[in-house]
N, C-alpha and C. Protein backbone atom coordinates (compact mmCIF):
# COMPACT_ATOMS: atom_id res chain seq x y z
N MET A 1 0.84 -1.19 0.00
CA MET A 1 0.00 0.00 0.00
C MET A 1 0.87 1.24 0.00
N LYS A 2 0.37 2.24 -0.69
CA LYS A 2 1.09 3.51 -0.78
C LYS A 2 0.70 4.43 0.37
N LYS A 3 1.60 5.34 0.68
CA LYS A 3 1.31 6.34 1.71
C LYS A 3 0.13 7.19 1.24
N CYS A 4 -0.77 7.46 2.14
CA CYS A 4 -1.96 8.26 1.83
C CYS A 4 -1.71 9.71 2.24
N ASN A 5 -1.47 10.56 1.27
CA ASN A 5 -1.29 11.98 1.56
C ASN A 5 -2.67 12.61 1.71
N PHE A 6 -2.86 13.36 2.78
CA PHE A 6 -4.15 13.98 3.03
C PHE A 6 -3.96 15.37 3.60
N LYS A 7 -5.02 16.15 3.50
CA LYS A 7 -5.02 17.50 4.04
C LYS A 7 -6.26 17.67 4.91
N VAL A 8 -6.09 18.20 6.11
CA VAL A 8 -7.22 18.50 6.98
C VAL A 8 -7.75 19.88 6.58
N LEU A 9 -8.98 19.91 6.08
CA LEU A 9 -9.59 21.16 5.65
C LEU A 9 -10.25 21.89 6.82
N SER A 10 -10.80 21.11 7.77
CA SER A 10 -11.39 21.74 8.95
C SER A 10 -11.43 20.74 10.10
N GLU A 11 -11.51 21.31 11.29
CA GLU A 11 -11.55 20.53 12.52
C GLU A 11 -12.57 21.22 13.42
N TYR A 12 -13.56 20.46 13.90
CA TYR A 12 -14.60 21.07 14.71
C TYR A 12 -14.93 20.19 15.90
N GLU A 13 -14.99 20.80 17.08
CA GLU A 13 -15.32 20.08 18.31
C GLU A 13 -16.80 20.28 18.64
N PHE A 14 -17.48 19.20 19.00
CA PHE A 14 -18.85 19.27 19.49
C PHE A 14 -18.81 18.95 20.98
N THR A 15 -19.19 19.92 21.79
CA THR A 15 -19.13 19.74 23.24
C THR A 15 -20.50 19.87 23.90
N ASP A 16 -21.57 19.95 23.10
CA ASP A 16 -22.91 20.13 23.66
C ASP A 16 -23.26 19.04 24.67
N PHE A 17 -22.84 17.81 24.42
CA PHE A 17 -23.18 16.70 25.30
C PHE A 17 -21.98 16.19 26.10
N ALA A 18 -20.87 16.86 25.98
CA ALA A 18 -19.65 16.43 26.68
C ALA A 18 -19.78 16.73 28.17
N ARG A 19 -19.25 15.82 28.97
CA ARG A 19 -19.26 16.02 30.42
C ARG A 19 -18.10 15.25 31.05
N ILE A 20 -17.68 15.74 32.19
CA ILE A 20 -16.64 15.07 32.96
C ILE A 20 -17.33 14.00 33.81
N VAL A 21 -16.80 12.78 33.74
CA VAL A 21 -17.43 11.66 34.45
C VAL A 21 -16.38 10.88 35.24
N ASP A 22 -16.84 10.16 36.24
CA ASP A 22 -15.98 9.21 36.94
C ASP A 22 -15.74 8.02 36.01
N ILE A 23 -14.53 7.51 36.02
CA ILE A 23 -14.25 6.29 35.27
C ILE A 23 -13.83 5.21 36.26
N TYR A 24 -14.05 4.01 35.89
CA TYR A 24 -13.82 2.86 36.76
C TYR A 24 -12.82 1.93 36.12
N GLY A 25 -11.84 1.50 36.86
CA GLY A 25 -10.88 0.54 36.36
C GLY A 25 -11.56 -0.80 36.15
N GLN A 26 -10.97 -1.62 35.33
CA GLN A 26 -11.57 -2.91 35.03
C GLN A 26 -11.78 -3.71 36.32
N GLY A 27 -13.03 -4.12 36.55
CA GLY A 27 -13.35 -4.92 37.72
C GLY A 27 -13.57 -4.11 38.99
N CYS A 28 -13.45 -2.79 38.94
CA CYS A 28 -13.63 -1.96 40.14
C CYS A 28 -15.05 -1.43 40.21
N ASN A 29 -15.59 -1.37 41.42
CA ASN A 29 -16.91 -0.79 41.60
C ASN A 29 -16.81 0.58 42.26
N TYR A 30 -15.65 1.19 42.20
CA TYR A 30 -15.44 2.52 42.72
C TYR A 30 -14.65 3.32 41.68
N PRO A 31 -14.83 4.64 41.65
CA PRO A 31 -14.12 5.44 40.66
C PRO A 31 -12.60 5.35 40.84
N THR A 32 -11.90 5.18 39.75
CA THR A 32 -10.43 5.13 39.79
C THR A 32 -9.82 6.34 39.08
N GLY A 33 -10.67 7.21 38.57
CA GLY A 33 -10.19 8.40 37.88
C GLY A 33 -11.36 9.17 37.30
N ARG A 34 -11.04 10.17 36.51
CA ARG A 34 -12.07 10.96 35.84
C ARG A 34 -11.72 11.05 34.36
N GLY A 35 -12.74 11.20 33.53
CA GLY A 35 -12.54 11.28 32.09
C GLY A 35 -13.66 12.06 31.45
N VAL A 36 -13.76 11.95 30.12
CA VAL A 36 -14.75 12.71 29.36
C VAL A 36 -15.68 11.74 28.64
N ASP A 37 -16.95 12.10 28.62
CA ASP A 37 -17.94 11.34 27.87
C ASP A 37 -18.73 12.31 27.00
N GLY A 38 -19.17 11.87 25.83
CA GLY A 38 -20.00 12.70 24.97
C GLY A 38 -19.26 13.73 24.14
N PHE A 39 -17.96 13.61 24.03
CA PHE A 39 -17.12 14.55 23.27
C PHE A 39 -17.02 14.06 21.83
N GLN A 40 -17.09 14.97 20.86
CA GLN A 40 -17.00 14.60 19.45
C GLN A 40 -16.13 15.60 18.69
N VAL A 41 -15.34 15.07 17.75
CA VAL A 41 -14.52 15.91 16.88
C VAL A 41 -14.77 15.47 15.44
N ASP A 42 -15.07 16.44 14.58
CA ASP A 42 -15.26 16.17 13.15
C ASP A 42 -14.09 16.77 12.37
N PHE A 43 -13.55 15.97 11.48
CA PHE A 43 -12.49 16.43 10.58
C PHE A 43 -13.02 16.34 9.16
N LEU A 44 -12.80 17.38 8.38
CA LEU A 44 -13.06 17.32 6.95
C LEU A 44 -11.69 17.19 6.31
N ILE A 45 -11.46 16.05 5.63
CA ILE A 45 -10.15 15.82 5.02
C ILE A 45 -10.30 15.68 3.51
N LYS A 46 -9.18 15.90 2.83
CA LYS A 46 -9.15 15.78 1.37
C LYS A 46 -8.05 14.81 0.99
N VAL A 47 -8.42 13.81 0.17
CA VAL A 47 -7.48 12.80 -0.31
C VAL A 47 -7.70 12.64 -1.81
N LYS A 48 -6.65 12.87 -2.59
CA LYS A 48 -6.73 12.72 -4.05
C LYS A 48 -7.94 13.44 -4.64
N GLY A 49 -8.18 14.67 -4.19
CA GLY A 49 -9.27 15.49 -4.71
C GLY A 49 -10.65 15.15 -4.17
N LYS A 50 -10.76 14.17 -3.31
CA LYS A 50 -12.05 13.76 -2.75
C LYS A 50 -12.10 14.12 -1.26
N GLU A 51 -13.25 14.64 -0.80
CA GLU A 51 -13.40 15.06 0.59
C GLU A 51 -14.20 14.03 1.39
N PHE A 52 -13.78 13.86 2.66
CA PHE A 52 -14.45 12.93 3.58
C PHE A 52 -14.60 13.60 4.94
N ASN A 53 -15.76 13.38 5.56
CA ASN A 53 -15.98 13.84 6.92
C ASN A 53 -15.70 12.65 7.85
N ILE A 54 -14.65 12.77 8.65
CA ILE A 54 -14.28 11.72 9.60
C ILE A 54 -14.61 12.23 11.00
N SER A 55 -15.44 11.49 11.70
CA SER A 55 -15.93 11.92 13.00
C SER A 55 -15.48 10.94 14.09
N PHE A 56 -15.03 11.49 15.20
CA PHE A 56 -14.61 10.68 16.36
C PHE A 56 -15.47 11.06 17.56
N GLN A 57 -15.82 10.04 18.37
CA GLN A 57 -16.56 10.27 19.61
C GLN A 57 -15.85 9.56 20.75
N SER A 58 -16.18 10.00 21.96
CA SER A 58 -15.63 9.34 23.16
C SER A 58 -15.95 7.85 23.12
N GLU A 59 -14.98 7.04 23.56
CA GLU A 59 -15.22 5.59 23.66
C GLU A 59 -16.34 5.32 24.64
N ASP A 60 -17.09 4.26 24.39
CA ASP A 60 -18.13 3.81 25.31
C ASP A 60 -17.47 3.37 26.61
N ARG A 61 -17.95 3.87 27.72
CA ARG A 61 -17.34 3.58 29.01
C ARG A 61 -18.19 2.67 29.88
N THR A 62 -19.24 2.08 29.33
CA THR A 62 -20.18 1.32 30.16
C THR A 62 -19.64 -0.02 30.62
N ASP A 63 -18.68 -0.60 29.91
CA ASP A 63 -18.23 -1.93 30.30
C ASP A 63 -16.92 -1.93 31.09
N ASN A 64 -16.40 -0.74 31.41
CA ASN A 64 -15.17 -0.59 32.20
C ASN A 64 -13.94 -1.20 31.52
N MET A 65 -14.04 -1.58 30.27
CA MET A 65 -12.91 -2.18 29.58
C MET A 65 -12.06 -1.13 28.86
N TYR A 66 -12.68 -0.02 28.48
CA TYR A 66 -11.98 0.96 27.65
C TYR A 66 -11.52 2.19 28.43
N THR A 67 -11.51 2.12 29.72
CA THR A 67 -11.30 3.33 30.51
C THR A 67 -9.89 3.43 31.06
N TYR A 68 -8.94 3.44 30.19
CA TYR A 68 -7.55 3.50 30.64
C TYR A 68 -7.16 4.90 31.12
N HIS A 69 -7.48 5.93 30.37
CA HIS A 69 -7.18 7.27 30.85
C HIS A 69 -8.31 8.25 30.64
N GLY A 70 -9.42 7.82 30.07
CA GLY A 70 -10.59 8.66 30.00
C GLY A 70 -10.69 9.59 28.81
N PHE A 71 -9.77 9.49 27.85
CA PHE A 71 -9.80 10.38 26.69
C PHE A 71 -9.84 9.60 25.37
N GLU A 72 -10.04 8.29 25.43
CA GLU A 72 -10.02 7.47 24.23
C GLU A 72 -11.15 7.86 23.28
N MET A 73 -10.86 7.89 22.00
CA MET A 73 -11.83 8.25 20.98
C MET A 73 -11.85 7.14 19.92
N THR A 74 -12.98 7.02 19.22
CA THR A 74 -13.10 6.06 18.13
C THR A 74 -13.99 6.68 17.06
N THR A 75 -13.90 6.17 15.84
CA THR A 75 -14.75 6.70 14.78
C THR A 75 -16.21 6.52 15.17
N SER A 76 -17.01 7.52 14.91
CA SER A 76 -18.38 7.52 15.44
C SER A 76 -19.36 6.71 14.61
N SER A 77 -18.95 6.17 13.47
CA SER A 77 -19.85 5.27 12.74
C SER A 77 -20.12 4.03 13.60
N LYS A 78 -19.20 3.73 14.49
CA LYS A 78 -19.36 2.61 15.43
C LYS A 78 -20.61 2.78 16.29
N TYR A 79 -20.99 4.04 16.53
CA TYR A 79 -22.15 4.35 17.36
C TYR A 79 -23.35 4.81 16.54
N GLY A 80 -23.30 4.61 15.22
CA GLY A 80 -24.44 4.92 14.36
C GLY A 80 -24.49 6.32 13.81
N ASN A 81 -23.40 7.07 13.85
CA ASN A 81 -23.36 8.43 13.31
C ASN A 81 -23.27 8.35 11.79
N ASP A 82 -24.35 8.68 11.11
CA ASP A 82 -24.38 8.62 9.64
C ASP A 82 -23.49 9.67 9.00
N GLY A 83 -23.14 10.72 9.74
CA GLY A 83 -22.28 11.77 9.19
C GLY A 83 -20.81 11.37 9.12
N ASP A 84 -20.45 10.29 9.78
CA ASP A 84 -19.06 9.81 9.77
C ASP A 84 -18.83 8.99 8.50
N GLU A 85 -17.89 9.45 7.69
CA GLU A 85 -17.60 8.77 6.42
C GLU A 85 -16.32 7.93 6.49
N SER A 86 -15.97 7.47 7.69
CA SER A 86 -14.73 6.71 7.82
C SER A 86 -14.78 5.40 7.03
N GLU A 87 -15.92 4.73 7.01
CA GLU A 87 -16.04 3.48 6.25
C GLU A 87 -15.89 3.76 4.75
N LYS A 88 -16.50 4.82 4.30
CA LYS A 88 -16.40 5.24 2.89
C LYS A 88 -14.94 5.58 2.55
N PHE A 89 -14.28 6.26 3.49
CA PHE A 89 -12.87 6.62 3.31
C PHE A 89 -12.00 5.37 3.21
N ILE A 90 -12.25 4.39 4.07
CA ILE A 90 -11.47 3.14 4.06
C ILE A 90 -11.65 2.43 2.72
N LYS A 91 -12.88 2.33 2.25
CA LYS A 91 -13.15 1.68 0.95
C LYS A 91 -12.43 2.41 -0.19
N PHE A 92 -12.47 3.74 -0.16
CA PHE A 92 -11.77 4.53 -1.18
C PHE A 92 -10.27 4.25 -1.16
N CYS A 93 -9.70 4.20 0.03
CA CYS A 93 -8.26 3.94 0.16
C CYS A 93 -7.91 2.54 -0.32
N LEU A 94 -8.70 1.56 0.03
CA LEU A 94 -8.42 0.19 -0.41
C LEU A 94 -8.51 0.08 -1.93
N LYS A 95 -9.48 0.74 -2.51
CA LYS A 95 -9.66 0.73 -3.97
C LYS A 95 -8.45 1.37 -4.67
N ASN A 96 -7.86 2.38 -4.01
CA ASN A 96 -6.73 3.11 -4.60
C ASN A 96 -5.39 2.68 -4.01
N ASP A 97 -5.38 1.57 -3.27
CA ASP A 97 -4.16 1.00 -2.68
C ASP A 97 -3.43 2.02 -1.80
N LEU A 98 -4.19 2.72 -0.95
CA LEU A 98 -3.63 3.72 -0.04
C LEU A 98 -3.73 3.22 1.40
N ASN A 99 -2.75 3.57 2.21
CA ASN A 99 -2.73 3.17 3.62
C ASN A 99 -3.62 4.11 4.44
N TYR A 100 -4.81 3.66 4.77
CA TYR A 100 -5.76 4.47 5.52
C TYR A 100 -5.47 4.49 7.02
N GLU A 101 -4.82 3.44 7.54
CA GLU A 101 -4.60 3.33 8.99
C GLU A 101 -3.78 4.48 9.54
N GLU A 102 -2.77 4.90 8.78
CA GLU A 102 -1.93 6.02 9.20
C GLU A 102 -2.75 7.29 9.37
N VAL A 103 -3.66 7.53 8.43
CA VAL A 103 -4.50 8.72 8.47
C VAL A 103 -5.43 8.67 9.68
N LEU A 104 -6.12 7.55 9.86
CA LEU A 104 -7.05 7.42 10.98
C LEU A 104 -6.32 7.50 12.32
N ASP A 105 -5.13 6.94 12.40
CA ASP A 105 -4.34 7.02 13.64
C ASP A 105 -3.97 8.47 13.95
N THR A 106 -3.57 9.22 12.93
CA THR A 106 -3.21 10.63 13.10
C THR A 106 -4.41 11.44 13.58
N LEU A 107 -5.56 11.22 12.94
CA LEU A 107 -6.77 11.95 13.32
C LEU A 107 -7.24 11.56 14.72
N GLN A 108 -7.14 10.28 15.04
CA GLN A 108 -7.55 9.82 16.38
C GLN A 108 -6.67 10.45 17.45
N LYS A 109 -5.38 10.50 17.20
CA LYS A 109 -4.45 11.10 18.16
C LYS A 109 -4.82 12.57 18.40
N ARG A 110 -5.13 13.29 17.32
CA ARG A 110 -5.51 14.70 17.45
C ARG A 110 -6.82 14.83 18.21
N ALA A 111 -7.80 13.97 17.93
CA ALA A 111 -9.09 14.01 18.63
C ALA A 111 -8.89 13.77 20.12
N GLU A 112 -8.01 12.83 20.47
CA GLU A 112 -7.75 12.54 21.88
C GLU A 112 -7.03 13.69 22.56
N GLU A 113 -6.15 14.39 21.82
CA GLU A 113 -5.50 15.58 22.38
C GLU A 113 -6.54 16.65 22.70
N LEU A 114 -7.48 16.87 21.78
CA LEU A 114 -8.53 17.87 22.01
C LEU A 114 -9.42 17.48 23.19
N CYS A 115 -9.71 16.20 23.30
CA CYS A 115 -10.52 15.70 24.41
C CYS A 115 -9.81 15.93 25.75
N GLU A 116 -8.52 15.67 25.76
CA GLU A 116 -7.75 15.88 26.99
C GLU A 116 -7.68 17.37 27.34
N GLU A 117 -7.55 18.24 26.34
CA GLU A 117 -7.55 19.68 26.59
C GLU A 117 -8.88 20.12 27.19
N TYR A 118 -9.98 19.58 26.67
CA TYR A 118 -11.31 19.88 27.20
C TYR A 118 -11.38 19.48 28.67
N TYR A 119 -10.91 18.29 28.97
CA TYR A 119 -10.91 17.78 30.34
C TYR A 119 -10.09 18.70 31.26
N GLU A 120 -8.88 19.02 30.84
CA GLU A 120 -8.00 19.84 31.68
C GLU A 120 -8.59 21.23 31.92
N TYR A 121 -9.21 21.81 30.90
CA TYR A 121 -9.83 23.12 31.05
C TYR A 121 -10.92 23.09 32.12
N PHE A 122 -11.80 22.10 32.05
CA PHE A 122 -12.90 22.04 33.01
C PHE A 122 -12.46 21.61 34.39
N GLU A 123 -11.45 20.77 34.49
CA GLU A 123 -10.93 20.41 35.82
C GLU A 123 -10.33 21.64 36.49
N LYS A 124 -9.60 22.46 35.75
CA LYS A 124 -9.03 23.69 36.31
C LYS A 124 -10.12 24.66 36.70
N LYS A 125 -11.17 24.75 35.86
CA LYS A 125 -12.28 25.65 36.15
C LYS A 125 -12.98 25.23 37.44
N VAL A 126 -13.24 23.94 37.60
CA VAL A 126 -13.88 23.44 38.82
C VAL A 126 -12.99 23.70 40.03
N GLN A 127 -11.70 23.45 39.88
CA GLN A 127 -10.76 23.67 40.97
C GLN A 127 -10.75 25.15 41.36
N TYR A 128 -10.74 26.04 40.38
CA TYR A 128 -10.75 27.47 40.64
C TYR A 128 -12.03 27.88 41.37
N GLU A 129 -13.18 27.35 40.91
CA GLU A 129 -14.46 27.68 41.55
C GLU A 129 -14.50 27.18 42.99
N GLU A 130 -13.95 26.00 43.24
CA GLU A 130 -13.91 25.47 44.60
C GLU A 130 -13.03 26.35 45.49
N GLU A 131 -11.89 26.81 44.96
CA GLU A 131 -11.02 27.69 45.73
C GLU A 131 -11.70 29.02 45.99
N SER A 132 -12.44 29.53 45.00
CA SER A 132 -13.17 30.78 45.18
C SER A 132 -14.25 30.64 46.23
N ASP A 133 -14.93 29.50 46.26
CA ASP A 133 -15.95 29.26 47.29
C ASP A 133 -15.33 29.23 48.67
N ASP A 134 -14.12 28.66 48.80
CA ASP A 134 -13.43 28.63 50.08
C ASP A 134 -13.09 30.03 50.56
N ASP A 135 -12.78 30.93 49.62
CA ASP A 135 -12.46 32.31 49.98
C ASP A 135 -13.68 33.07 50.50
N ASP A 136 -14.87 32.63 50.10
CA ASP A 136 -16.11 33.30 50.51
C ASP A 136 -16.56 32.91 51.90
N VAL A 137 -15.97 31.89 52.48
CA VAL A 137 -16.38 31.43 53.81
C VAL A 137 -15.99 32.48 54.85
N ASP A 138 -16.92 32.77 55.73
CA ASP A 138 -16.69 33.76 56.78
C ASP A 138 -15.82 33.15 57.89
N ASP A 139 -14.67 33.71 58.14
CA ASP A 139 -13.74 33.18 59.14
C ASP A 139 -14.17 33.51 60.56
N ASP A 140 -15.16 34.39 60.77
CA ASP A 140 -15.57 34.80 62.11
C ASP A 140 -16.47 33.77 62.79
N GLU A 141 -16.92 32.77 62.08
CA GLU A 141 -17.85 31.79 62.67
C GLU A 141 -17.19 30.86 63.61
């Protein structure tokens, strides 16, 4: 297979349903960390003059198997997102003898970076708000 040269035309984060959640280690019935759920990133990419919308969503965390650090992402066609053209992209690459795995790995890594940035921003915001609440406590009591 040949190297698949691609260009990212746009990158968009969907955070309407994103939230910080407790994550559980495999076999644990208590939280072992925190992560993100409901986060989505859409990439519009161009390969050999053809455009594809590749969408990533937070990994499903219900079975406690995928919760290693709380930022894992996967293509959203896995969850029924019709707007994700990753399967179409893979078929196009196979037809043209192009290595699609490298492209999807690169996009997944970027989606996970954005997810982690989202997490860090909100964890800092919560920490700041908690510190601000502590400052409001009346010391005369």
